[in-house]
Amino acid sequence: MARRAHPKAHKYVFVIGGVMSGVGKGIATASIGKILAARGLSVNLVKIDPYLNVDAGTMNPTEHGEVFVLDSGLETDQDMGNYERFLNRDVGAEDYMTSGMIYKHVIEKERNLEYGGKCVEAVPHVRDEIVARLRHSAKMGKSDVTVVEIGGTLGDFSNALFIDAARVIHLQDSSSTLFVMVSYLPVPGTIGEMKTKPTQIAVRQLNAYGVQPDFLIARAPTPLDHKRKEKLAVQVNIPADHIISAPDVDSVYDVPLNFERDELSDMLLKALGKRGKQASDMNAWRKFAEHAHNGRTKIKIGIVGKYFDTGDFVLSDAYLSVIEAIKFSAFHLGVKPEIHWLNAKEYQKDPARVKELENYDGILVPGGFGESGIEGKINAIRFAREKKIPYFGLCYGMQLLVVEYARNVAGLPGAHTTEIDPKAKHPIVMVLPEQVEKLRRKDYGGSMRLGAYPCKLRSGTVAQKAYGAEEVSERHRHRYEVNPIYVAKLQEAGLKFSGVSPDHTLMEIAELPKSEHPFFLGTQFHPEFRARPLEPHPLFNAFVKAAIERRG
């Protein structure tokens, strides 16, 4: 008999992964949030990462994917970007936690005698800190429902405490919680039949934690047939209609629509004891998802990066938000982007290879750190400038734009960033003054210029016309800036700094006027973090529009 939920209590939906990692828990969580919000509920989404890093900022993008920065400056997992894109709003720092963050806080409390001399242990103290943070997130979000993604895979030692925290919240009020397992059903090539046994074992393992899933999202290469739904229902004690088929799709933005075809929001509302709007408000999302499939004209965009040589695979997740931002603007403008990964190291080894960039409608150099492939990027930027190919530089891509212009136009040979050459003849890009002592102390974690800062736009520039505003707020993640000593010299040579900090000390946007180049612009900030499916970013729109004009 299904339990009856208390309608006024705050509700929690815990999303847990079974069988293997990488099956789409983050997209499932974002999609559940999306369909509940479309029914009129206020939703906040929480990501729990079980690693001991205090935040995601010190992790290698080739191993973990991109670092997504919130307005607050917190460096987080890329799933937080999916949450913002699906909900079409900002999320807060309280919506993210790691094991490192939790343990650090508990240890600091112990050092301050805040436990009154007790023996501090993982259970209950660490677990209860997790519970407290989940409660705090719900309070800060003022939401009806909190959807919590517990990272890792069931059976990982590292996420056991988080599952136990979910169990405790369920124990405190069973009517306020739902558990959703996202599990993979393989179809072995030599057998040719979808197998349910790994998922059966995963559910039993979750039962050993004292938790029974209420819903099962069955990830698989193909849709789940009714026979297997019935078989799973008997074996894992979940009603067949609560087993949701989630086959592979061409676009992650189809996932909420697929969930609604199985009437998942109806079942979730009923199980949570919540009343929502009669009809789901997904029209704008459905229209966007259709554009993702129906673009008629293709544009060819080359992303020149260094995080691509990862064995036999290209780790596009290192630039996830950049890729999605390009897609949003392309779909908005009625075209389909064809994105190519271009390894900067190849252009460094063989500069003549940059000639292949003539085949592209737009070139983008994203953010990054270090010297690997840097001269290859500079070679690509010079080629894009001289051949009038639309160019968009983000963070490091803007700094290298300025270095290239200084060397080859402003008459400053030996110009470089002090990140690479501390003794550069012309230190065009240098470390921010407040960063010098931090670097000396090796204070690397969470110490960059992080989060949202205002940027004033100069009237009549490419950037100002794209935004249609005089001041904007954008998210940053960097230690180095354009050296103010060289700003006048660069501007005399024709480079325009169209965006600056309110005190005019930091150069935020560099560009060439439209009369000189169809689109040659770089930002010190990361505009990709603010791009949303239903609200594409103005600068990406301008870049894609220039690429369309080149194609046309």
Protein backbone atom coordinates (compact mmCIF):
# COMPACT_ATOMS: atom_id res chain seq x y z
CA MET A 1 0.00 0.00 0.00
CA ALA A 2 1.45 3.37 -1.04
CA ARG A 3 2.17 5.75 1.81
CA ARG A 4 0.33 9.08 1.95
CA ALA A 5 2.54 12.14 1.88
CA HIS A 6 1.88 15.16 4.07
CA PRO A 7 1.04 17.98 1.62
CA LYS A 8 2.64 20.82 3.62
CA ALA A 9 5.95 19.17 4.46
CA HIS A 10 9.01 19.95 2.41
CA LYS A 11 9.74 17.05 0.07
CA TYR A 12 13.02 15.41 -0.92
CA VAL A 13 13.72 13.29 -3.98
CA PHE A 14 17.03 11.42 -3.75
CA VAL A 15 18.58 10.25 -7.01
CA ILE A 16 21.06 7.37 -6.63
CA GLY A 17 23.05 5.56 -9.32
CA GLY A 18 23.30 1.80 -9.65
CA VAL A 19 25.44 -0.65 -11.67
CA MET A 20 27.91 1.86 -13.16
CA SER A 21 28.86 5.52 -13.36
CA GLY A 22 28.21 7.83 -16.28
CA VAL A 23 24.63 6.71 -16.89
CA GLY A 24 23.14 10.20 -16.60
CA LYS A 25 22.20 10.79 -12.96
CA GLY A 26 22.88 14.49 -13.41
CA ILE A 27 20.61 14.80 -16.46
CA ALA A 28 17.96 12.66 -14.75
CA THR A 29 18.10 14.93 -11.68
CA ALA A 30 17.92 18.08 -13.81
CA SER A 31 15.04 16.59 -15.82
CA ILE A 32 13.06 15.67 -12.70
CA GLY A 33 13.55 19.24 -11.49
CA LYS A 34 12.44 20.55 -14.87
CA ILE A 35 9.21 18.54 -15.09
CA LEU A 36 8.24 19.35 -11.49
CA ALA A 37 8.91 23.06 -12.07
CA ALA A 38 6.82 22.87 -15.25
CA ARG A 39 3.92 21.70 -13.06
CA GLY A 40 4.23 24.84 -10.94
CA LEU A 41 6.33 23.58 -8.02
CA SER A 42 9.27 25.51 -6.63
CA VAL A 43 12.30 23.23 -6.96
CA ASN A 44 15.92 23.37 -5.88
CA LEU A 45 18.52 20.87 -7.06
CA VAL A 46 21.45 19.68 -4.94
CA LYS A 47 24.61 17.92 -6.12
CA ILE A 48 26.60 15.78 -3.68
CA ASP A 49 30.10 14.80 -4.78
CA PRO A 50 31.72 12.12 -2.60
CA TYR A 51 35.34 13.03 -3.31
CA LEU A 52 37.57 14.59 -0.63
CA ASN A 53 38.34 17.72 -2.65
CA VAL A 54 36.78 20.69 -0.87
CA ASP A 55 35.53 21.92 -4.24
CA ALA A 56 36.00 21.02 -7.90
CA GLY A 57 38.51 23.78 -8.61
CA THR A 58 41.70 21.76 -8.20
CA MET A 59 40.65 18.81 -10.35
CA ASN A 60 42.03 18.08 -13.80
CA PRO A 61 39.39 18.69 -16.52
CA THR A 62 40.63 15.69 -18.51
CA GLU A 63 39.70 13.44 -15.60
CA HIS A 64 36.64 15.11 -14.14
CA GLY A 65 35.20 17.40 -16.81
CA GLU A 66 34.81 21.16 -16.63
CA VAL A 67 34.72 23.22 -13.46
CA PHE A 68 31.47 25.19 -13.31
CA VAL A 69 31.57 28.46 -11.36
CA LEU A 70 28.53 29.86 -9.54
CA ASP A 71 27.75 33.54 -8.92
CA SER A 72 29.06 33.05 -5.39
CA GLY A 73 32.44 31.99 -6.76
CA LEU A 74 32.14 28.37 -5.64
CA GLU A 75 33.87 26.02 -8.09
CA THR A 76 31.59 23.06 -8.66
CA ASP A 77 30.93 19.94 -10.69
CA GLN A 78 29.64 20.36 -14.25
CA ASP A 79 26.24 18.98 -13.21
CA MET A 80 25.55 22.30 -11.51
CA GLY A 81 25.69 23.83 -14.98
CA ASN A 82 23.09 21.33 -16.17
CA TYR A 83 20.90 22.28 -13.21
CA GLU A 84 21.04 25.97 -14.14
CA ARG A 85 20.43 25.27 -17.80
CA PHE A 86 17.41 23.03 -17.16
CA LEU A 87 15.85 25.25 -14.47
CA ASN A 88 16.76 28.44 -16.38
CA ARG A 89 17.98 30.15 -13.22
CA ASP A 90 21.01 30.50 -10.97
CA VAL A 91 21.66 27.99 -8.21
CA GLY A 92 23.27 28.80 -4.87
CA ALA A 93 26.43 27.66 -3.10
CA GLU A 94 24.25 25.87 -0.54
CA ASP A 95 23.11 23.52 -3.34
CA TYR A 96 26.52 21.86 -3.63
CA MET A 97 28.57 19.77 -1.23
CA THR A 98 31.55 17.42 -1.26
CA SER A 99 32.92 14.98 1.29
CA GLY A 100 35.93 17.26 1.64
CA MET A 101 33.69 20.23 2.38
CA ILE A 102 31.78 18.26 5.03
CA TYR A 103 34.82 16.73 6.73
CA LYS A 104 36.67 20.07 6.75
CA HIS A 105 33.75 21.75 8.49
CA VAL A 106 33.33 18.95 11.04
CA ILE A 107 37.05 18.95 11.85
CA GLU A 108 37.06 22.74 12.26
CA LYS A 109 34.12 22.43 14.67
CA GLU A 110 35.97 19.75 16.62
CA ARG A 111 39.07 21.98 16.85
CA ASN A 112 36.85 24.76 18.22
CA LEU A 113 35.36 22.45 20.89
CA GLU A 114 31.91 22.83 19.36
CA TYR A 115 31.17 19.16 20.09
CA GLY A 116 31.73 19.68 23.80
CA GLY A 117 34.57 17.19 24.12
CA LYS A 118 32.70 14.26 22.57
CA CYS A 119 34.40 11.60 20.48
CA VAL A 120 33.69 12.90 16.96
CA GLU A 121 32.82 10.15 14.50
CA ALA A 122 31.58 9.68 10.95
CA VAL A 123 28.28 8.47 12.44
CA PRO A 124 26.54 10.47 13.70
CA HIS A 125 28.51 13.72 13.37
CA VAL A 126 29.51 13.72 9.70
CA ARG A 127 26.21 12.20 8.63
CA ASP A 128 24.22 14.72 10.67
CA GLU A 129 26.19 17.58 9.12
CA ILE A 130 25.02 16.30 5.72
CA VAL A 131 21.41 16.23 6.95
CA ALA A 132 21.76 19.77 8.31
CA ARG A 133 23.11 21.05 5.00
CA LEU A 134 20.29 19.46 3.04
CA ARG A 135 17.79 21.09 5.39
CA HIS A 136 19.60 24.42 5.00
CA SER A 137 19.56 24.17 1.22
CA ALA A 138 15.79 23.62 1.25
CA LYS A 139 15.34 26.59 3.60
CA MET A 140 17.49 28.92 1.50
CA GLY A 141 15.80 27.83 -1.70
CA LYS A 142 12.31 28.31 -0.21
CA SER A 143 11.32 25.40 -2.37
CA ASP A 144 8.53 22.84 -2.31
CA VAL A 145 10.84 20.02 -3.38
CA THR A 146 14.58 19.42 -3.16
CA VAL A 147 15.96 16.96 -5.70
CA VAL A 148 19.30 15.57 -4.50
CA GLU A 149 21.79 13.81 -6.74
CA ILE A 150 24.10 11.57 -4.72
CA GLY A 151 27.26 11.27 -6.82
CA GLY A 152 29.17 8.06 -7.43
CA THR A 153 27.75 4.59 -7.84
CA LEU A 154 25.94 2.43 -5.32
CA GLY A 155 28.46 0.31 -3.44
CA ASP A 156 31.14 3.02 -3.44
CA PHE A 157 32.52 3.33 0.07
CA SER A 158 32.74 7.11 -0.40
CA ASN A 159 29.02 7.82 -0.81
CA ALA A 160 27.66 5.53 1.90
CA LEU A 161 27.32 8.35 4.45
CA PHE A 162 25.27 10.42 2.02
CA ILE A 163 22.87 7.53 1.41
CA ASP A 164 22.65 7.07 5.17
CA ALA A 165 21.82 10.79 5.56
CA ALA A 166 18.99 10.31 3.06
CA ARG A 167 17.81 7.30 5.08
CA VAL A 168 17.75 9.42 8.25
CA ILE A 169 15.65 12.13 6.57
CA HIS A 170 13.29 9.37 5.41
CA LEU A 171 13.19 7.97 8.96
CA GLN A 172 12.30 11.37 10.37
CA ASP A 173 9.35 11.68 7.98
CA SER A 174 8.80 8.87 5.50
CA SER A 175 6.07 10.82 3.70
CA SER A 176 8.53 13.57 2.77
CA THR A 177 10.99 11.49 0.77
CA LEU A 178 11.21 9.58 -2.48
CA PHE A 179 14.13 7.50 -3.75
CA VAL A 180 14.90 7.24 -7.45
CA MET A 181 17.51 4.81 -8.73
CA VAL A 182 19.11 5.42 -12.12
CA SER A 183 20.44 2.09 -13.34
CA TYR A 184 21.83 0.68 -16.56
CA LEU A 185 20.42 -2.36 -18.35
CA PRO A 186 23.10 -3.67 -20.72
CA VAL A 187 22.50 -5.45 -24.01
CA PRO A 188 25.64 -7.61 -24.46
CA GLY A 189 26.53 -7.88 -28.13
CA THR A 190 27.17 -11.62 -28.02
CA ILE A 191 23.82 -12.25 -26.30
CA GLY A 192 21.62 -9.63 -27.97
CA GLU A 193 19.19 -9.50 -25.04
CA MET A 194 18.64 -6.76 -22.46
CA LYS A 195 19.75 -8.03 -19.05
CA THR A 196 18.06 -6.98 -15.80
CA LYS A 197 20.19 -8.93 -13.31
CA PRO A 198 22.79 -6.15 -12.62
CA THR A 199 19.94 -3.79 -11.71
CA GLN A 200 18.29 -6.41 -9.50
CA ILE A 201 21.55 -6.79 -7.58
CA ALA A 202 21.98 -3.01 -7.33
CA VAL A 203 18.52 -2.58 -5.78
CA ARG A 204 19.24 -5.32 -3.26
CA GLN A 205 22.48 -3.59 -2.37
CA LEU A 206 20.54 -0.35 -1.79
CA ASN A 207 18.13 -2.33 0.41
CA ALA A 208 21.16 -3.29 2.52
CA TYR A 209 21.55 0.43 3.30
CA GLY A 210 18.00 0.46 4.63
CA VAL A 211 16.61 2.18 1.53
CA GLN A 212 14.00 0.96 -0.97
CA PRO A 213 13.72 2.88 -4.25
CA ASP A 214 10.28 4.20 -5.17
CA PHE A 215 11.12 4.73 -8.84
CA LEU A 216 13.58 3.15 -11.22
CA ILE A 217 14.89 5.03 -14.25
CA ALA A 218 16.07 2.29 -16.58
CA ARG A 219 18.89 3.54 -18.78
CA ALA A 220 19.58 1.37 -21.80
CA PRO A 221 20.56 1.60 -25.46
CA THR A 222 16.93 0.95 -26.45
CA PRO A 223 13.50 1.44 -24.81
CA LEU A 224 12.53 -0.98 -22.05
CA ASP A 225 9.74 -3.32 -23.11
CA HIS A 226 6.75 -4.15 -20.93
CA LYS A 227 7.93 -7.70 -20.29
CA ARG A 228 11.13 -6.49 -18.64
CA LYS A 229 9.27 -3.84 -16.68
CA GLU A 230 7.07 -6.57 -15.22
CA LYS A 231 10.07 -8.79 -14.50
CA LEU A 232 11.92 -5.97 -12.75
CA ALA A 233 8.81 -4.96 -10.80
CA VAL A 234 8.56 -8.41 -9.22
CA GLN A 235 12.29 -8.72 -8.56
CA VAL A 236 12.96 -5.25 -7.11
CA ASN A 237 9.59 -4.52 -5.45
CA ILE A 238 8.80 -1.41 -7.51
CA PRO A 239 5.45 -1.01 -9.33
CA ALA A 240 5.83 -1.55 -13.08
CA ASP A 241 4.48 1.93 -13.86
CA HIS A 242 7.21 3.40 -11.60
CA ILE A 243 9.88 1.88 -13.86
CA ILE A 244 10.67 4.59 -16.39
CA SER A 245 12.28 3.70 -19.70
CA ALA A 246 15.20 6.02 -20.50
CA PRO A 247 16.79 4.94 -23.79
CA ASP A 248 19.75 6.69 -25.39
CA VAL A 249 18.69 9.95 -27.06
CA ASP A 250 20.30 12.32 -29.55
CA SER A 251 20.03 15.29 -27.19
CA VAL A 252 19.95 15.46 -23.39
CA TYR A 253 17.24 18.10 -23.76
CA ASP A 254 14.87 15.38 -24.94
CA VAL A 255 15.06 13.62 -21.57
CA PRO A 256 12.41 15.71 -19.72
CA LEU A 257 10.07 15.24 -22.68
CA ASN A 258 10.63 11.48 -22.62
CA PHE A 259 9.92 11.43 -18.88
CA GLU A 260 6.64 13.20 -19.49
CA ARG A 261 5.63 10.65 -22.11
CA ASP A 262 5.70 8.14 -19.24
CA GLU A 263 3.71 10.68 -17.15
CA LEU A 264 6.49 10.81 -14.58
CA SER A 265 5.51 14.22 -13.18
CA ASP A 266 1.97 12.92 -12.48
CA MET A 267 3.36 9.95 -10.56
CA LEU A 268 5.90 12.06 -8.66
CA LEU A 269 3.27 14.60 -7.62
CA LYS A 270 0.98 11.82 -6.42
CA ALA A 271 3.76 10.06 -4.50
CA LEU A 272 4.88 13.36 -2.94
CA GLY A 273 1.34 14.38 -2.05
CA LYS A 274 1.75 17.65 -3.95
CA ARG A 275 -0.72 19.41 -6.19
CA GLY A 276 0.59 21.00 -9.34
CA LYS A 277 -0.81 22.66 -12.40
CA GLN A 278 -3.14 20.43 -14.41
CA ALA A 279 -1.04 20.72 -17.58
CA SER A 280 2.72 20.73 -17.84
CA ASP A 281 4.15 24.04 -19.11
CA MET A 282 6.80 22.61 -21.44
CA ASN A 283 5.93 24.41 -24.69
CA ALA A 284 9.01 26.64 -24.82
CA TRP A 285 11.26 23.71 -23.91
CA ARG A 286 9.63 21.46 -26.50
CA LYS A 287 10.13 24.11 -29.18
CA PHE A 288 13.81 24.44 -28.21
CA ALA A 289 14.31 20.66 -28.27
CA GLU A 290 12.79 20.51 -31.76
CA HIS A 291 15.26 23.16 -32.95
CA ALA A 292 18.04 20.92 -31.64
CA HIS A 293 17.06 18.38 -34.30
CA ASN A 294 15.72 20.51 -37.13
CA GLY A 295 18.40 23.09 -37.99
CA ARG A 296 18.62 23.29 -41.78
CA THR A 297 21.91 25.11 -42.40
CA LYS A 298 25.11 23.87 -40.77
CA ILE A 299 27.93 26.06 -39.51
CA LYS A 300 31.39 24.68 -38.85
CA ILE A 301 32.97 25.79 -35.55
CA GLY A 302 36.50 24.86 -34.52
CA ILE A 303 37.38 24.80 -30.82
CA VAL A 304 41.14 25.11 -30.38
CA GLY A 305 41.99 23.58 -27.01
CA LYS A 306 44.53 21.46 -25.19
CA TYR A 307 42.32 19.02 -23.26
CA PHE A 308 41.67 16.77 -26.25
CA ASP A 309 44.64 14.38 -26.32
CA THR A 310 43.28 11.91 -23.78
CA GLY A 311 44.17 8.59 -25.37
CA ASP A 312 41.73 7.29 -27.94
CA PHE A 313 38.88 9.51 -26.75
CA VAL A 314 38.07 13.21 -26.98
CA LEU A 315 36.96 14.54 -23.60
CA SER A 316 34.50 17.19 -24.74
CA ASP A 317 33.23 17.47 -21.14
CA ALA A 318 36.28 19.64 -20.41
CA TYR A 319 34.49 22.37 -22.40
CA LEU A 320 30.88 21.33 -21.77
CA SER A 321 29.40 24.78 -21.10
CA VAL A 322 31.18 26.25 -24.15
CA ILE A 323 29.78 23.56 -26.42
CA GLU A 324 26.27 23.97 -25.05
CA ALA A 325 26.44 27.77 -25.34
CA ILE A 326 27.33 27.44 -29.03
CA LYS A 327 24.40 25.05 -29.51
CA PHE A 328 21.89 27.34 -27.77
CA SER A 329 22.79 30.31 -29.96
CA ALA A 330 22.88 28.21 -33.13
CA PHE A 331 19.45 26.70 -32.45
CA HIS A 332 18.14 30.18 -31.60
CA LEU A 333 19.38 31.48 -34.95
CA GLY A 334 18.03 28.50 -36.89
CA VAL A 335 21.25 26.66 -37.72
CA LYS A 336 22.97 23.50 -36.60
CA PRO A 337 26.55 23.69 -35.29
CA GLU A 338 29.11 21.19 -36.48
CA ILE A 339 31.77 21.36 -33.75
CA HIS A 340 35.30 20.14 -34.36
CA TRP A 341 38.00 19.61 -31.71
CA LEU A 342 41.30 21.13 -32.83
CA ASN A 343 44.37 20.26 -30.78
CA ALA A 344 46.47 23.38 -30.18
CA LYS A 345 49.59 21.24 -29.74
CA GLU A 346 49.41 20.26 -33.42
CA TYR A 347 49.51 23.94 -34.47
CA GLN A 348 52.48 24.42 -32.18
CA LYS A 349 54.44 21.51 -33.67
CA ASP A 350 53.52 22.44 -37.26
CA PRO A 351 52.43 26.10 -37.60
CA ALA A 352 51.60 25.57 -41.29
CA ARG A 353 48.65 23.40 -40.25
CA VAL A 354 46.68 26.50 -39.18
CA LYS A 355 45.76 26.90 -42.87
CA GLU A 356 43.06 24.29 -42.28
CA LEU A 357 41.20 26.90 -40.20
CA GLU A 358 40.16 28.58 -43.45
CA ASN A 359 37.56 25.78 -43.74
CA TYR A 360 35.79 26.92 -40.58
CA ASP A 361 33.04 29.49 -40.11
CA GLY A 362 34.19 30.38 -36.61
CA ILE A 363 37.15 29.72 -34.30
CA LEU A 364 36.94 29.65 -30.50
CA VAL A 365 39.73 29.38 -27.93
CA PRO A 366 38.31 28.49 -24.49
CA GLY A 367 39.75 28.95 -21.01
CA GLY A 368 42.67 26.98 -19.64
CA PHE A 369 45.92 27.13 -17.74
CA GLY A 370 49.61 26.48 -18.39
CA GLU A 371 51.95 26.50 -21.36
CA SER A 372 50.84 23.31 -23.11
CA GLY A 373 49.85 24.20 -26.69
CA ILE A 374 50.00 27.96 -26.04
CA GLU A 375 51.98 28.91 -29.16
CA GLY A 376 49.61 26.77 -31.21
CA LYS A 377 46.68 28.78 -29.90
CA ILE A 378 48.47 32.05 -30.68
CA ASN A 379 49.15 30.82 -34.23
CA ALA A 380 45.45 30.00 -34.63
CA ILE A 381 44.40 33.42 -33.30
CA ARG A 382 46.73 35.23 -35.70
CA PHE A 383 45.38 33.24 -38.64
CA ALA A 384 41.76 33.99 -37.64
CA ARG A 385 42.57 37.71 -37.33
CA GLU A 386 44.43 37.99 -40.62
CA LYS A 387 41.97 35.85 -42.62
CA LYS A 388 38.91 37.59 -41.11
CA ILE A 389 37.52 34.38 -39.62
CA PRO A 390 35.13 35.08 -36.70
CA TYR A 391 37.09 34.53 -33.50
CA PHE A 392 35.85 34.27 -29.90
CA GLY A 393 38.33 33.99 -27.01
CA LEU A 394 37.25 33.06 -23.50
CA CYS A 395 39.44 33.91 -20.49
CA TYR A 396 42.82 32.47 -21.59
CA GLY A 397 41.54 32.88 -25.16
CA MET A 398 41.17 36.63 -24.51
CA GLN A 399 44.60 36.92 -22.88
CA LEU A 400 46.24 35.19 -25.83
CA LEU A 401 44.30 37.42 -28.23
CA VAL A 402 45.97 40.40 -26.54
CA VAL A 403 49.41 38.71 -26.60
CA GLU A 404 49.06 37.93 -30.32
CA TYR A 405 47.98 41.49 -31.12
CA ALA A 406 50.82 42.97 -29.09
CA ARG A 407 53.42 40.84 -30.87
CA ASN A 408 52.19 41.13 -34.43
CA VAL A 409 50.38 44.49 -34.65
CA ALA A 410 51.41 46.74 -31.76
CA GLY A 411 55.11 46.21 -32.37
CA LEU A 412 55.94 44.53 -29.05
CA PRO A 413 58.06 41.46 -29.90
CA GLY A 414 58.58 39.18 -26.92
CA ALA A 415 55.15 40.03 -25.54
CA HIS A 416 53.80 37.24 -23.36
CA THR A 417 51.86 36.35 -20.25
CA THR A 418 53.90 36.09 -17.06
CA GLU A 419 52.06 32.86 -16.32
CA ILE A 420 54.28 31.29 -18.99
CA ASP A 421 57.29 33.63 -19.06
CA PRO A 422 57.81 35.53 -15.78
CA LYS A 423 60.71 37.42 -17.42
CA ALA A 424 58.88 38.39 -20.61
CA LYS A 425 60.27 41.49 -22.34
CA HIS A 426 56.72 42.83 -22.56
CA PRO A 427 54.52 41.31 -19.81
CA ILE A 428 51.25 42.02 -21.58
CA VAL A 429 49.31 39.75 -19.22
CA MET A 430 50.34 39.60 -15.59
CA VAL A 431 49.17 38.14 -12.32
CA LEU A 432 46.58 40.10 -10.37
CA PRO A 433 48.26 41.96 -7.47
CA GLU A 434 46.15 40.19 -4.83
CA GLN A 435 47.21 36.83 -6.27
CA VAL A 436 50.98 37.28 -5.80
CA GLU A 437 51.05 36.36 -2.11
CA LYS A 438 48.58 33.50 -2.62
CA LEU A 439 50.80 31.94 -5.27
CA ARG A 440 53.86 32.37 -3.07
CA ARG A 441 52.10 30.46 -0.29
CA LYS A 442 50.83 27.87 -2.82
CA ASP A 443 47.29 28.83 -1.84
CA TYR A 444 45.66 27.43 -4.97
CA GLY A 445 42.25 26.11 -3.86
CA GLY A 446 39.35 28.53 -4.23
CA SER A 447 41.71 31.52 -4.34
CA MET A 448 41.36 32.88 -7.90
CA ARG A 449 39.17 35.79 -8.91
CA LEU A 450 35.98 33.80 -8.79
CA GLY A 451 32.28 34.43 -9.26
CA ALA A 452 30.12 37.26 -10.58
CA TYR A 453 31.57 40.74 -11.07
CA PRO A 454 30.13 43.79 -12.88
CA CYS A 455 31.49 44.91 -16.25
CA LYS A 456 30.92 48.35 -17.80
CA LEU A 457 30.48 48.39 -21.59
CA ARG A 458 31.69 51.14 -23.87
CA SER A 459 28.96 52.56 -26.07
CA GLY A 460 28.88 51.64 -29.75
CA THR A 461 31.23 48.67 -29.46
CA VAL A 462 30.53 45.17 -30.75
CA ALA A 463 30.10 43.92 -27.17
CA GLN A 464 27.76 46.74 -26.13
CA LYS A 465 25.57 46.31 -29.19
CA ALA A 466 25.39 42.54 -28.58
CA TYR A 467 24.30 42.97 -24.97
CA GLY A 468 22.08 45.99 -25.56
CA ALA A 469 23.10 47.26 -22.11
CA GLU A 470 25.63 49.58 -20.46
CA GLU A 471 26.61 47.22 -17.62
CA VAL A 472 26.45 43.45 -17.18
CA SER A 473 27.41 40.87 -14.57
CA GLU A 474 29.54 37.90 -15.62
CA ARG A 475 31.34 35.03 -13.89
CA HIS A 476 35.11 34.88 -13.60
CA ARG A 477 37.77 32.26 -12.92
CA HIS A 478 41.32 33.52 -13.39
CA ARG A 479 44.50 34.83 -11.73
CA TYR A 480 45.92 36.90 -14.59
CA GLU A 481 44.78 40.13 -16.26
CA VAL A 482 45.86 42.47 -19.05
CA ASN A 483 48.71 44.62 -17.75
CA PRO A 484 47.29 48.19 -17.45
CA ILE A 485 50.66 49.67 -18.40
CA TYR A 486 50.17 48.44 -21.98
CA VAL A 487 46.49 49.34 -22.46
CA ALA A 488 47.14 52.72 -24.10
CA LYS A 489 49.76 51.26 -26.46
CA LEU A 490 47.41 48.45 -27.52
CA GLN A 491 44.52 50.84 -28.08
CA GLU A 492 46.72 53.13 -30.17
CA ALA A 493 47.43 50.07 -32.34
CA GLY A 494 43.69 49.56 -32.89
CA LEU A 495 42.60 47.06 -30.20
CA LYS A 496 39.56 48.23 -28.26
CA PHE A 497 38.86 47.35 -24.63
CA SER A 498 35.09 47.52 -24.81
CA GLY A 499 34.39 46.12 -21.34
CA VAL A 500 36.10 47.21 -18.13
CA SER A 501 35.63 46.85 -14.38
CA PRO A 502 33.67 49.72 -12.79
CA ASP A 503 36.92 51.31 -11.55
CA HIS A 504 38.43 50.99 -15.07
CA THR A 505 41.47 49.05 -13.77
CA LEU A 506 40.65 45.60 -15.23
CA MET A 507 40.16 44.95 -18.93
CA GLU A 508 37.20 42.60 -19.29
CA ILE A 509 36.55 42.57 -23.07
CA ALA A 510 38.94 43.13 -25.97
CA GLU A 511 37.75 43.47 -29.56
CA LEU A 512 38.40 44.82 -33.01
CA PRO A 513 35.75 47.13 -34.47
CA LYS A 514 33.34 45.70 -37.03
CA SER A 515 34.98 47.81 -39.72
CA GLU A 516 38.25 45.90 -39.15
CA HIS A 517 37.00 42.37 -38.63
CA PRO A 518 33.62 40.58 -38.83
CA PHE A 519 34.01 39.34 -35.22
CA PHE A 520 37.27 39.35 -33.25
CA LEU A 521 36.47 39.48 -29.55
CA GLY A 522 37.67 38.02 -26.26
CA THR A 523 36.31 38.10 -22.72
CA GLN A 524 38.27 37.79 -19.49
CA PHE A 525 35.14 36.30 -17.93
CA HIS A 526 33.31 33.08 -18.86
CA PRO A 527 30.06 33.97 -20.67
CA GLU A 528 29.36 30.27 -21.28
CA PHE A 529 28.36 29.91 -17.61
CA ARG A 530 25.37 32.18 -18.19
CA ALA A 531 24.13 30.63 -21.44
CA ARG A 532 20.78 28.84 -21.13
CA PRO A 533 18.67 26.85 -23.63
CA LEU A 534 15.83 29.36 -23.45
CA GLU A 535 18.13 32.38 -22.97
CA PRO A 536 21.22 32.03 -25.20
CA HIS A 537 24.10 34.35 -24.35
CA PRO A 538 24.29 37.65 -26.34
CA LEU A 539 28.01 37.30 -27.14
CA PHE A 540 27.60 33.73 -28.36
CA ASN A 541 24.67 34.95 -30.46
CA ALA A 542 26.91 37.59 -32.03
CA PHE A 543 29.69 35.05 -32.66
CA VAL A 544 27.35 32.51 -34.26
CA LYS A 545 25.68 35.23 -36.35
CA ALA A 546 29.12 36.22 -37.70
CA ALA A 547 29.81 32.54 -38.47
CA ILE A 548 26.49 32.29 -40.34
CA GLU A 549 27.39 35.38 -42.39
CA ARG A 550 30.75 33.85 -43.29
CA ARG A 551 29.03 30.61 -44.32
CA GLY A 552 26.37 32.44 -46.32
